[in-house]
Protein backbone atom coordinates (compact mmCIF):
# COMPACT_ATOMS: atom_id res chain seq x y z
CA MET A 1 -0.22 -0.16 0.06
CA GLY A 2 1.24 3.16 -1.01
CA LEU A 3 1.79 6.59 1.14
CA VAL A 4 -1.08 8.34 2.25
CA GLU A 5 -0.78 11.89 1.37
CA GLU A 6 -3.40 13.18 3.92
CA GLN A 7 -2.44 12.26 6.87
CA ASP A 8 -5.79 12.97 8.54
CA THR A 9 -7.42 10.31 6.27
CA VAL A 10 -7.74 7.10 8.69
CA ILE A 11 -8.37 3.88 6.67
CA THR A 12 -10.70 1.93 7.77
CA ARG A 13 -12.38 -1.67 7.09
CA PRO A 14 -16.19 -3.37 7.88
CA GLY A 15 -16.01 -4.55 11.37
CA ILE A 16 -15.08 -8.52 12.37
CA ASP A 17 -18.43 -10.07 13.36
CA PRO A 18 -17.99 -9.49 17.67
CA THR A 19 -19.86 -12.96 17.92
CA THR A 20 -16.84 -14.69 16.13
CA ALA A 21 -14.35 -13.51 18.69
CA VAL A 22 -11.38 -15.99 19.06
CA GLY A 23 -10.40 -16.85 22.26
CA LYS A 24 -13.10 -14.75 24.24
CA PRO A 25 -16.48 -15.36 26.06
CA PRO A 26 -19.33 -15.71 24.01
CA LEU A 27 -20.61 -12.31 23.43
CA PRO A 28 -24.17 -11.61 24.93
CA PRO A 29 -27.09 -9.97 23.63
CA LEU A 30 -27.39 -6.40 24.26
CA ARG A 31 -29.93 -6.15 26.73
CA HIS A 32 -29.62 -3.43 29.64
CA LYS A 33 -30.21 -5.58 32.92
CA THR A 34 -29.22 -5.90 36.53
CA VAL A 35 -27.31 -9.36 37.61
CA HIS A 36 -26.81 -10.10 41.25
CA LEU A 37 -23.46 -11.75 41.86
CA GLY A 38 -23.88 -12.34 45.80
CA GLU A 39 -21.59 -9.37 47.19
CA LEU A 40 -21.76 -7.66 43.64
CA THR A 41 -24.57 -6.34 41.76
CA LEU A 42 -23.85 -5.73 38.19
CA GLU A 43 -25.56 -3.24 35.94
CA LYS A 44 -25.06 -4.50 32.16
CA ASP A 45 -25.17 -2.44 28.83
CA VAL A 46 -25.62 0.92 30.49
CA PRO A 47 -26.23 3.25 28.01
CA VAL A 48 -24.05 6.55 27.84
CA THR A 49 -24.73 9.10 25.23
CA LEU A 50 -21.91 11.22 23.95
CA ARG A 51 -21.92 14.56 22.91
CA ASP A 52 -22.62 13.45 19.35
CA GLY A 53 -25.32 11.36 19.97
CA VAL A 54 -23.66 8.37 19.82
CA ARG A 55 -24.22 5.58 22.31
CA ILE A 56 -21.71 3.53 23.98
CA TYR A 57 -22.39 1.06 27.19
CA LEU A 58 -20.89 0.05 30.36
CA ASP A 59 -21.29 -2.99 32.56
CA ILE A 60 -20.87 -1.18 36.33
CA TYR A 61 -20.37 -3.19 38.97
CA ARG A 62 -21.20 -2.11 42.56
CA PRO A 63 -21.37 -3.31 46.22
CA ALA A 64 -24.70 -5.61 46.66
CA MET A 65 -25.73 -4.18 50.44
CA SER A 66 -24.19 -0.59 49.91
CA SER A 67 -26.52 2.68 49.19
CA ALA A 68 -23.84 5.38 50.19
CA PRO A 69 -22.23 7.52 47.29
CA LEU A 70 -19.57 5.47 45.51
CA PRO A 71 -16.43 6.72 43.85
CA VAL A 72 -15.85 4.97 40.72
CA LEU A 73 -12.62 3.02 38.44
CA LEU A 74 -13.13 3.64 35.16
CA ALA A 75 -11.37 0.73 32.96
CA TRP A 76 -11.78 2.07 29.25
CA GLY A 77 -10.39 -0.97 26.65
CA PRO A 78 -11.17 -2.19 22.93
CA TYR A 79 -11.12 -6.22 24.58
CA GLY A 80 -14.61 -6.54 25.60
CA LYS A 81 -16.36 -5.62 28.94
CA HIS A 82 -18.14 -9.22 28.67
CA ASN A 83 -14.15 -10.71 28.36
CA THR A 84 -13.82 -11.73 31.90
CA LYS A 85 -11.91 -14.10 33.32
CA ASP A 86 -10.30 -15.52 36.56
CA HIS A 87 -6.82 -15.86 35.36
CA LEU A 88 -4.52 -15.67 32.22
CA TRP A 89 -2.16 -17.25 30.61
CA PRO A 90 -0.09 -19.87 32.64
CA PRO A 91 3.19 -18.23 31.35
CA ALA A 92 1.81 -15.19 32.89
CA GLY A 93 2.56 -15.88 36.56
CA LEU A 94 -0.75 -14.70 38.21
CA GLU A 95 -1.50 -17.21 41.05
CA ASP A 96 -4.73 -18.84 42.07
CA GLY A 97 -7.10 -16.29 43.62
CA TRP A 98 -5.57 -13.39 42.63
CA ILE A 99 -8.62 -12.52 40.37
CA SER A 100 -11.69 -13.06 40.59
CA GLU A 101 -13.75 -14.28 37.35
CA HIS A 102 -15.35 -11.00 37.09
CA THR A 103 -11.93 -9.58 36.09
CA GLY A 104 -11.56 -7.96 32.70
CA PHE A 105 -8.56 -7.91 30.58
CA GLU A 106 -5.55 -5.75 32.10
CA ALA A 107 -8.68 -4.31 34.46
CA PRO A 108 -9.45 -3.94 37.94
CA ASP A 109 -11.07 -6.73 39.62
CA PRO A 110 -14.47 -5.48 40.74
CA ALA A 111 -14.73 -8.16 43.68
CA TYR A 112 -11.64 -6.73 45.20
CA TRP A 113 -12.90 -2.85 44.54
CA CYS A 114 -16.10 -3.00 45.30
CA ALA A 115 -15.60 -5.01 48.85
CA HIS A 116 -13.42 -1.60 49.51
CA GLY A 117 -15.82 0.46 48.68
CA TYR A 118 -15.66 1.21 45.17
CA ALA A 119 -17.77 0.98 42.08
CA VAL A 120 -16.30 -0.64 39.23
CA ALA A 121 -17.12 0.69 35.16
CA CYS A 122 -15.88 -1.09 32.34
CA ALA A 123 -16.23 0.50 28.83
CA ASP A 124 -16.80 -0.74 25.58
CA PRO A 125 -15.53 2.19 23.52
CA ARG A 126 -17.21 3.33 20.37
CA GLY A 127 -17.62 1.27 17.34
CA MET A 128 -16.73 -1.54 19.52
CA TRP A 129 -18.72 -4.38 20.20
CA ASN A 130 -21.84 -3.70 20.07
CA CYS A 131 -21.56 0.29 20.66
CA GLU A 132 -22.49 2.11 17.94
CA GLY A 133 -20.35 4.79 15.74
CA GLU A 134 -17.24 4.24 13.77
CA GLY A 135 -14.16 2.82 16.00
CA ARG A 136 -11.10 4.81 16.54
CA HIS A 137 -7.92 3.34 17.89
CA ASN A 138 -6.82 6.04 20.16
CA GLY A 139 -6.88 9.98 18.86
CA PRO A 140 -9.40 13.20 18.99
CA GLN A 141 -12.74 10.99 19.08
CA GLU A 142 -11.47 8.64 21.97
CA ALA A 143 -9.95 11.46 23.81
CA ARG A 144 -13.80 13.22 23.56
CA ASP A 145 -15.68 9.89 24.35
CA VAL A 146 -13.57 9.06 27.59
CA TYR A 147 -13.97 12.88 28.70
CA ASP A 148 -17.48 12.49 28.30
CA THR A 149 -18.03 9.05 29.87
CA VAL A 150 -15.91 10.39 32.84
CA GLU A 151 -17.91 13.26 33.14
CA TRP A 152 -21.45 10.96 33.00
CA LEU A 153 -20.14 8.58 36.02
CA GLY A 154 -19.20 11.38 37.69
CA GLU A 155 -22.64 12.81 37.79
CA ALA A 156 -24.21 9.52 37.96
CA GLY A 157 -26.74 8.93 40.95
CA TRP A 158 -24.89 6.99 43.08
CA SER A 159 -21.30 8.28 42.54
CA ASN A 160 -19.62 10.40 44.93
CA GLY A 161 -18.44 12.76 41.82
CA ARG A 162 -14.89 11.23 41.89
CA VAL A 163 -13.68 9.20 38.99
CA GLY A 164 -10.14 7.23 38.87
CA MET A 165 -8.76 5.21 36.15
CA LEU A 166 -6.79 2.09 36.89
CA GLY A 167 -5.02 -0.66 34.33
CA VAL A 168 -2.70 -1.96 32.09
CA SER A 169 -1.62 -1.27 28.45
CA TYR A 170 -4.80 -0.06 26.35
CA LEU A 171 -6.35 0.94 29.77
CA ALA A 172 -3.43 2.91 30.62
CA GLY A 173 -3.24 5.05 27.57
CA SER A 174 -6.52 5.54 28.13
CA GLN A 175 -5.64 7.14 31.30
CA PHE A 176 -3.15 9.87 29.59
CA ILE A 177 -5.74 10.73 26.90
CA ALA A 178 -8.44 11.17 29.52
CA ALA A 179 -6.30 13.29 31.54
CA ALA A 180 -4.94 15.46 29.29
CA MET A 181 -8.30 16.57 28.62
CA GLN A 182 -9.20 17.81 32.45
CA PRO A 183 -12.46 16.38 32.57
CA PRO A 184 -13.62 17.81 36.09
CA SER A 185 -14.56 14.79 37.44
CA LEU A 186 -11.54 12.98 36.69
CA LYS A 187 -9.52 12.86 40.25
CA ALA A 188 -6.71 10.56 39.94
CA ILE A 189 -4.98 8.14 37.92
CA SER A 190 -3.35 4.81 38.03
CA PRO A 191 -1.25 3.78 34.77
CA TRP A 192 0.72 0.95 35.07
CA GLU A 193 3.07 0.64 31.58
CA CYS A 194 1.36 1.93 28.19
CA PHE A 195 3.40 3.37 24.98
CA THR A 196 2.80 6.75 24.46
CA ASP A 197 4.80 7.85 20.87
CA TRP A 198 2.73 5.65 18.60
CA TYR A 199 5.51 5.99 16.06
CA ARG A 200 9.00 5.12 17.99
CA GLU A 201 7.26 2.74 20.57
CA PHE A 202 4.19 0.60 18.96
CA ALA A 203 4.48 1.36 15.28
CA TYR A 204 8.26 1.76 14.00
CA HIS A 205 11.19 0.66 16.07
CA GLY A 206 13.91 3.17 15.18
CA GLY A 207 12.49 3.51 11.97
CA ILE A 208 11.77 -0.47 11.18
CA GLN A 209 8.37 -1.83 11.42
CA GLU A 210 6.85 -3.78 14.13
CA THR A 211 5.24 -6.78 12.69
CA GLY A 212 4.76 -9.02 15.42
CA PHE A 213 2.31 -7.40 17.88
CA ILE A 214 0.88 -5.01 15.35
CA PRO A 215 -1.09 -7.54 13.44
CA ARG A 216 -2.69 -8.72 17.30
CA ALA A 217 -3.29 -5.10 18.18
CA SER A 218 -5.20 -4.76 14.62
CA GLN A 219 -7.26 -7.48 15.15
CA ASN A 220 -8.44 -6.79 18.80
CA MET A 221 -9.63 -3.51 17.53
CA GLY A 222 -11.62 -5.01 14.41
CA TYR A 223 -14.67 -6.62 16.62
CA SER A 224 -17.57 -4.31 15.39
CA ARG A 225 -21.03 -3.79 14.15
CA THR A 226 -19.94 -0.71 12.40
CA ARG A 227 -16.32 -0.28 10.73
CA THR A 228 -13.37 0.60 12.79
CA GLU A 229 -9.87 2.01 12.12
CA ASP A 230 -7.76 -0.48 10.55
CA THR A 231 -4.58 -0.09 12.87
CA GLN A 232 -2.42 -2.88 10.32
CA ALA A 233 -3.27 -0.54 7.10
CA ASN A 234 -2.72 2.87 8.57
CA ILE A 235 1.07 2.02 9.93
CA GLU A 236 1.75 0.01 6.80
CA ALA A 237 0.60 2.95 4.71
CA ARG A 238 3.05 5.67 7.02
CA PRO A 239 6.51 4.06 7.48
CA LEU A 240 7.64 8.11 8.08
CA MET A 241 6.35 10.28 11.08
CA SER A 242 3.03 12.09 10.54
CA ASP A 243 0.17 13.84 12.36
CA TYR A 244 -1.60 10.66 12.17
CA TYR A 245 0.68 9.47 14.83
CA ARG A 246 1.24 12.87 16.98
CA ASP A 247 -2.45 13.28 16.96
CA LYS A 248 -3.05 9.80 19.21
CA TYR A 249 -2.12 11.26 21.96
CA PRO A 250 -3.14 14.94 23.53
CA PRO A 251 0.13 16.67 24.92
CA LEU A 252 1.32 14.69 28.39
CA GLU A 253 2.28 18.30 29.78
CA GLU A 254 -1.70 19.02 30.12
CA ILE A 255 -1.73 16.12 32.52
CA ARG A 256 -2.49 17.79 36.17
CA VAL A 257 -4.59 14.97 38.11
CA PRO A 258 -2.45 13.28 40.83
CA ALA A 259 -0.88 9.91 39.13
CA TYR A 260 0.77 7.24 40.38
CA VAL A 261 2.46 5.96 37.21
CA VAL A 262 4.06 1.91 36.95
CA GLY A 263 5.95 1.25 34.22
CA SER A 264 8.92 -1.75 34.02
CA TRP A 265 12.34 -2.22 32.30
CA SER A 266 10.59 -5.76 31.00
CA ASP A 267 8.56 -4.56 27.80
CA HIS A 268 11.29 -3.30 25.47
CA GLY A 269 9.76 -3.22 22.26
CA LEU A 270 6.45 -1.91 23.78
CA HIS A 271 5.85 -0.20 26.93
CA THR A 272 9.09 0.54 28.83
CA ARG A 273 9.94 3.26 27.38
CA GLY A 274 6.67 5.61 26.77
CA THR A 275 5.56 4.98 30.52
CA LEU A 276 8.88 6.33 31.62
CA GLU A 277 8.40 9.35 29.41
CA ALA A 278 5.36 9.93 30.64
CA PHE A 279 6.14 10.68 34.10
CA ALA A 280 8.81 12.90 32.96
CA ARG A 281 6.34 15.04 30.66
CA ILE A 282 3.09 15.29 32.75
CA ALA A 283 2.64 18.41 34.81
CA SER A 284 1.08 17.05 37.74
CA GLU A 285 2.33 17.89 41.36
CA GLU A 286 1.52 15.14 42.94
CA LYS A 287 2.99 12.31 40.54
CA TRP A 288 4.88 9.37 42.10
CA LEU A 289 6.90 6.39 39.43
CA GLU A 290 7.43 2.84 39.95
CA VAL A 291 9.57 0.50 37.68
CA HIS A 292 9.35 -2.78 38.52
CA GLY A 293 11.70 -5.46 35.97
CA GLN A 294 8.74 -8.49 36.58
CA LYS A 295 6.58 -9.92 33.90
CA LYS A 296 4.10 -6.96 33.80
CA TRP A 297 0.64 -8.52 34.70
CA ARG A 298 2.06 -10.54 37.56
CA TYR A 299 3.16 -7.37 38.65
CA PHE A 300 -0.14 -5.94 38.22
CA TYR A 301 -1.92 -8.26 39.86
CA HIS A 302 -0.32 -9.15 42.73
CA PRO A 303 -1.17 -8.59 46.27
CA GLU A 304 1.06 -6.17 47.48
CA SER A 305 0.53 -3.93 44.49
CA VAL A 306 -3.38 -4.20 44.51
CA GLU A 307 -2.89 -2.77 48.44
CA ARG A 308 -0.86 0.21 46.88
CA GLN A 309 -3.20 0.71 43.98
CA ARG A 310 -5.96 0.91 47.18
CA GLN A 311 -3.86 3.02 49.11
CA PHE A 312 -3.11 5.63 46.13
CA PHE A 313 -6.93 5.95 45.48
CA ASP A 314 -8.49 5.75 48.59
CA HIS A 315 -6.74 8.92 49.36
CA TYR A 316 -7.78 10.80 46.55
CA LEU A 317 -11.41 9.12 45.70
CA LEU A 318 -12.32 8.49 49.38
CA ASP A 319 -10.06 11.23 51.37
CA ALA A 320 -9.05 8.04 53.75
CA GLY A 321 -5.16 7.47 55.06
CA PRO A 322 -2.42 9.27 54.16
CA GLY A 323 -2.30 8.19 50.36
CA PRO A 324 1.14 8.15 48.69
CA HIS A 325 2.86 11.33 50.45
CA ASP A 326 5.18 9.05 52.24
CA TRP A 327 6.26 7.09 49.32
CA PRO A 328 9.32 7.79 47.21
CA ARG A 329 8.83 10.25 44.18
CA VAL A 330 10.76 7.70 42.15
CA THR A 331 11.09 3.68 43.08
CA VAL A 332 13.38 1.82 40.93
CA GLU A 333 13.70 -2.34 40.83
CA VAL A 334 17.82 -2.59 40.05
CA ARG A 335 17.95 -6.28 38.68
CA ASP A 336 20.67 -8.84 39.60
CA THR A 337 18.89 -11.79 38.53
CA GLY A 338 15.45 -12.56 37.16
CA ASP A 339 14.35 -12.99 40.41
CA ARG A 340 17.13 -11.14 42.48
CA TYR A 341 16.53 -7.20 42.64
CA THR A 342 17.47 -4.27 44.76
CA HIS A 343 15.11 -1.45 45.15
CA ARG A 344 16.45 2.00 45.18
CA SER A 345 14.86 5.11 45.76
CA ASP A 346 17.84 7.14 45.23
CA VAL A 347 17.84 7.75 41.75
CA SER A 348 15.51 10.55 40.02
CA TRP A 349 13.67 10.19 36.42
CA PRO A 350 14.83 11.41 34.10
CA VAL A 351 18.46 10.09 34.59
CA PRO A 352 20.95 12.90 34.22
CA ASP A 353 23.65 12.96 31.71
CA SER A 354 25.95 13.21 34.71
CA ALA A 355 25.82 9.75 35.18
CA ALA A 356 26.87 8.60 31.64
CA VAL A 357 30.06 7.15 31.08
CA ARG A 358 30.97 6.41 27.86
CA LEU A 359 32.63 2.77 26.97
CA HIS A 360 34.66 3.11 23.96
CA LEU A 361 34.28 0.24 20.96
CA ASP A 362 37.04 -1.73 20.05
CA PRO A 363 35.47 -4.27 17.38
CA ALA A 364 38.42 -5.96 16.26
CA ALA A 365 39.38 -6.71 20.03
CA GLY A 366 35.59 -7.34 21.33
CA ASN A 367 35.93 -4.96 23.68
CA LEU A 368 34.54 -1.93 25.41
CA ALA A 369 37.01 0.69 27.39
CA GLU A 370 36.76 4.13 28.83
CA ASP A 371 40.00 4.90 26.41
CA ARG A 372 39.55 5.39 23.08
CA PRO A 373 41.32 2.58 21.19
CA ALA A 374 43.45 3.19 18.21
CA GLU A 375 41.50 2.82 14.56
CA SER A 376 39.98 -0.47 14.78
CA ASP A 377 37.11 -2.08 12.34
CA LEU A 378 35.64 -5.20 11.58
CA TRP A 379 33.52 -6.97 8.77
CA VAL A 380 29.95 -7.99 9.69
CA ASP A 381 27.68 -9.91 7.58
CA PRO A 382 24.47 -8.95 9.15
CA THR A 383 21.98 -11.93 8.24
CA THR A 384 24.43 -14.45 9.81
CA GLY A 385 27.26 -12.78 11.87
CA GLN A 386 27.07 -9.91 14.50
CA LEU A 387 29.71 -7.81 16.45
CA ASP A 388 30.46 -8.41 19.90
CA ALA A 389 32.27 -6.29 22.74
CA GLY A 390 32.19 -6.47 26.62
CA TYR A 391 33.28 -4.45 29.41
CA THR A 392 34.27 -5.84 32.77
CA PHE A 393 33.33 -4.19 36.08
CA GLN A 394 35.73 -3.59 38.56
CA THR A 395 33.53 -2.26 41.12
CA ASP A 396 29.87 -3.37 41.73
CA THR A 397 27.59 -0.93 39.70
CA ASP A 398 24.18 -0.35 38.96
CA VAL A 399 23.08 0.91 35.73
CA VAL A 400 19.56 2.52 35.74
CA GLY A 401 18.46 4.44 32.63
CA PRO A 402 18.62 4.63 28.62
CA MET A 403 22.02 4.13 26.71
CA ARG A 404 23.04 5.45 23.36
CA LEU A 405 25.11 3.62 21.15
CA ARG A 406 27.35 5.90 18.31
CA LEU A 407 28.49 3.72 16.03
CA TRP A 408 30.20 4.51 12.85
CA LEU A 409 29.19 1.82 10.17
CA GLU A 410 29.94 1.44 6.16
CA THR A 411 28.01 -0.72 3.81
CA ASP A 412 29.56 -2.24 0.95
CA THR A 413 27.25 -2.55 -1.38
CA ALA A 414 23.94 -1.74 0.35
CA THR A 415 21.88 1.48 0.78
CA ASP A 416 20.16 0.86 3.95
CA ALA A 417 20.91 -0.99 6.94
CA ASP A 418 18.72 -1.93 9.74
CA VAL A 419 20.47 -2.35 13.32
CA PHE A 420 19.55 -3.99 15.81
CA VAL A 421 21.56 -3.79 19.74
CA ALA A 422 21.22 -5.79 22.27
CA VAL A 423 22.95 -5.33 25.83
CA ARG A 424 23.57 -8.22 28.22
CA LYS A 425 25.04 -9.39 31.13
CA PHE A 426 27.71 -12.45 31.79
CA THR A 427 28.69 -13.27 35.12
CA ALA A 428 32.77 -13.50 36.07
CA ASP A 429 31.89 -17.18 35.07
CA GLY A 430 31.06 -16.57 31.49
CA GLU A 431 27.09 -17.21 32.02
CA GLU A 432 24.65 -15.11 30.75
CA VAL A 433 21.92 -13.48 33.13
CA ARG A 434 18.38 -13.48 31.19
CA PHE A 435 15.35 -11.29 32.54
CA PRO A 436 11.50 -11.43 32.42
CA PHE A 437 10.53 -10.09 28.78
CA ASN A 438 7.41 -9.17 27.23
CA ALA A 439 4.89 -10.33 29.95
CA LEU A 440 5.11 -14.07 29.36
CA PHE A 441 8.73 -14.55 28.71
CA GLU A 442 12.09 -15.07 31.00
CA ASP A 443 14.85 -15.15 28.32
CA GLY A 444 15.44 -10.89 27.41
CA PRO A 445 18.65 -9.39 27.55
CA VAL A 446 19.13 -6.27 29.71
CA ALA A 447 17.78 -3.99 26.93
CA LEU A 448 17.25 -3.29 23.54
CA GLY A 449 17.83 -0.96 20.82
CA TRP A 450 17.21 -0.28 16.93
CA LEU A 451 17.84 2.19 14.00
CA ARG A 452 17.59 2.17 10.10
CA ALA A 453 20.33 3.62 8.80
CA SER A 454 18.54 5.86 6.63
CA HIS A 455 16.54 7.69 9.80
CA ARG A 456 19.94 8.51 11.16
CA SER A 457 19.17 12.32 11.20
CA LEU A 458 19.10 13.61 14.44
CA ASP A 459 16.75 16.26 16.67
CA GLU A 460 19.93 18.19 17.85
CA HIS A 461 17.74 19.65 20.17
CA ALA A 462 15.66 16.87 21.85
CA SER A 463 18.79 14.51 21.93
CA SER A 464 21.01 13.79 25.24
CA GLU A 465 23.96 11.97 25.81
CA LEU A 466 21.71 9.13 27.18
CA ARG A 467 19.30 9.33 24.72
CA PRO A 468 19.10 10.07 20.44
CA VAL A 469 16.15 11.44 19.53
CA HIS A 470 15.23 10.88 15.67
CA PRO A 471 12.27 12.88 13.70
CA HIS A 472 11.66 9.54 11.68
CA ASP A 473 10.24 12.22 8.90
CA ALA A 474 12.75 11.72 5.58
CA GLU A 475 15.20 8.54 4.86
CA GLU A 476 18.56 9.41 3.83
CA PRO A 477 20.28 6.94 1.72
CA LEU A 478 23.86 5.61 2.36
CA THR A 479 26.46 5.77 0.15
CA PRO A 480 28.33 2.04 0.15
CA GLY A 481 31.79 2.74 0.66
CA VAL A 482 31.23 5.74 3.04
CA PRO A 483 31.18 5.51 6.57
CA VAL A 484 28.45 7.16 8.46
CA PRO A 485 27.77 7.74 12.69
CA LEU A 486 24.55 6.37 13.96
CA GLU A 487 23.18 7.11 17.19
CA ILE A 488 20.99 4.16 18.34
CA GLU A 489 18.73 4.80 21.13
CA ILE A 490 18.88 2.10 23.51
CA TRP A 491 15.79 1.65 25.84
CA PRO A 492 16.16 2.50 29.51
CA SER A 493 16.89 -0.56 31.91
CA GLY A 494 18.02 -0.92 35.49
CA THR A 495 20.74 -3.36 36.32
CA ARG A 496 23.35 -4.84 38.79
CA PHE A 497 27.06 -5.77 37.85
CA HIS A 498 29.00 -6.97 40.84
CA ALA A 499 33.02 -6.72 40.24
CA GLY A 500 34.04 -9.28 37.61
CA GLU A 501 30.93 -9.03 35.58
CA ARG A 502 30.33 -8.38 32.24
CA LEU A 503 28.24 -5.51 30.14
CA HIS A 504 28.07 -6.98 27.07
CA LEU A 505 27.33 -5.27 23.70
CA THR A 506 25.61 -7.16 20.37
CA VAL A 507 25.46 -5.53 17.14
CA LEU A 508 23.08 -7.78 14.64
CA GLY A 509 20.84 -7.36 11.63
CA HIS A 510 17.95 -8.87 13.07
CA ASP A 511 15.86 -9.44 16.38
CA PHE A 512 18.23 -10.93 18.83
CA VAL A 513 15.35 -12.97 20.41
CA GLU A 514 13.33 -14.33 17.47
CA ARG A 515 10.00 -16.34 17.50
CA PRO A 516 7.32 -17.31 15.20
CA ALA A 517 4.25 -14.91 15.16
CA ASP A 518 1.75 -15.96 17.49
CA LEU A 519 -1.52 -13.66 17.96
CA SER A 520 -2.28 -14.88 21.40
CA SER A 521 0.75 -13.77 23.03
CA PRO A 522 2.47 -10.10 22.38
CA VAL A 523 5.59 -11.50 20.66
CA ILE A 524 7.84 -8.39 19.53
CA ARG A 525 9.15 -8.81 15.81
CA HIS A 526 10.85 -7.25 12.65
CA THR A 527 10.45 -9.00 9.44
CA ASP A 528 10.96 -6.22 7.12
CA ILE A 529 14.42 -6.05 7.11
CA ARG A 530 16.65 -3.92 4.87
CA ASN A 531 20.00 -5.19 5.11
CA SER A 532 21.90 -7.24 2.37
CA GLY A 533 25.41 -7.56 1.84
CA ARG A 534 28.22 -6.77 4.61
CA TRP A 535 28.90 -4.13 6.93
CA HIS A 536 32.25 -2.37 7.88
CA ILE A 537 32.10 -1.06 11.39
CA HIS A 538 34.58 1.41 12.60
CA SER A 539 36.04 3.12 15.85
CA GLY A 540 38.95 4.82 16.88
CA VAL A 541 40.12 8.45 16.60
CA GLN A 542 38.46 9.40 13.42
CA HIS A 543 35.72 7.27 13.79
CA ASP A 544 34.24 7.75 17.32
CA SER A 545 32.21 4.51 18.22
CA TYR A 546 30.93 4.46 22.14
CA LEU A 547 28.56 3.11 24.28
CA SER A 548 27.29 5.83 26.60
CA VAL A 549 26.09 4.37 29.97
CA PRO A 550 24.22 5.17 32.90
CA MET A 551 26.16 4.39 35.88
CA VAL A 552 25.70 4.69 39.83
CA PRO A 553 27.51 2.94 42.70
CA ALA A 554 25.85 0.06 43.51
CA ALA A 555 23.21 0.28 46.21
CA ARG A 556 22.78 -2.22 49.27
CA THR A 557 21.13 -5.66 48.03
CA ASP A 558 17.64 -5.80 49.59
């Protein structure tokens, strides 16, 4: 499909029959009714009329015996409010009893929250499932719709006028969208892990199209009795940054509501970068950041995490308890192994450039060092080979934050190159340490980065020592035989390296972790790759290739 000239023209498609959704419970007929579920009352298919007359539908859970005005938690996502289960996939790591059968995908559990004096409203967005209108994947229309829904809930006769939002992924992104619109009834948000830059974090990593998760996301947006946005087709039609991507979120700087933001090091290729960017950009005076390195669904539903969520919302929606005011502003988990880690609250976010240490690359010797080498080079076949280089720590050190790789690269015949980067950890005995990764897996590296060489142009004003920013608005082909510097962003991480352990840099021409496509899991893939011929990697005085690493002395182990 060719480029779309009118960037505000969204490609749509006929909806997929919502009664045929694979892997979800059968869609019940649209009918407004009340169902008694023991200690819960469920009001199904509650119509909400939006400002343009379109009706969407909510399922609202309330405590069965309560007559007091209730605060409301809104879960806004496309997965179907009827799609409730008491479990997730076994690799997600949830334990029996953590969630009830009424829990929507990535949403708060109504059984828990209603037992503590809340109502939980689960919304099907415009054009999804049984709702009227045409579906849109984020963007201005959804921003208006979620604003209207928040205000409808705040004005409901059974509501205390205070609405909060809680959830993971899409259910987190909708919080950023809602909060930037500043609906008066929205009093607090707790977004857990979501991308906030559609181009750089979701559609194109370093300018390289993501082809594993996008089809799954597009399918999830397709169940409709009308029409919906064709997410995959829109992304394929727009390989460069455009207003289509920019308009998906309102300015995050407009967010002023109290926010408990939770991100992870373990969701590279999807949520890590965006969640941390959002925390840095939102203007809320009362905001807290927690970063973990575990599997995201296990961490969200872990009983200790749910208690922290309630402590936060009790304060802002019920005027109960101290809330988060005695919490550190920033808490990060520094991973030693997949199941051993330290919590630090003395690291600021964003991490300042003063923490950066440049490790210069000697590609021929396979080393990284603080001293710049003499001229050194290495030829690599990007389809079958790779560059490996390492740095051995002399003292215990925590690496916390993003990294930047400056790599001088020349091709022998190709006019473009897709460069994939993995930062890894090896013990003093030479054994690699792998970490939780993409919600269901345990074989991730420390961190990942990507760049298509023709997208190497820099936004100098937005870039820093630890993070290059590329505008991605044009392509500049390579000239074979001419080396050029590539500034490659490596997504943030938090890792403990003990004395004698090795930080290992791997540069290759394809995904570091390769898996087959699987629409039932969050597999990140890149299959539309432009590599051919050989790469010639340079370093030294004339070609200063280096890895900029944020280092702080290791903290006490918990």
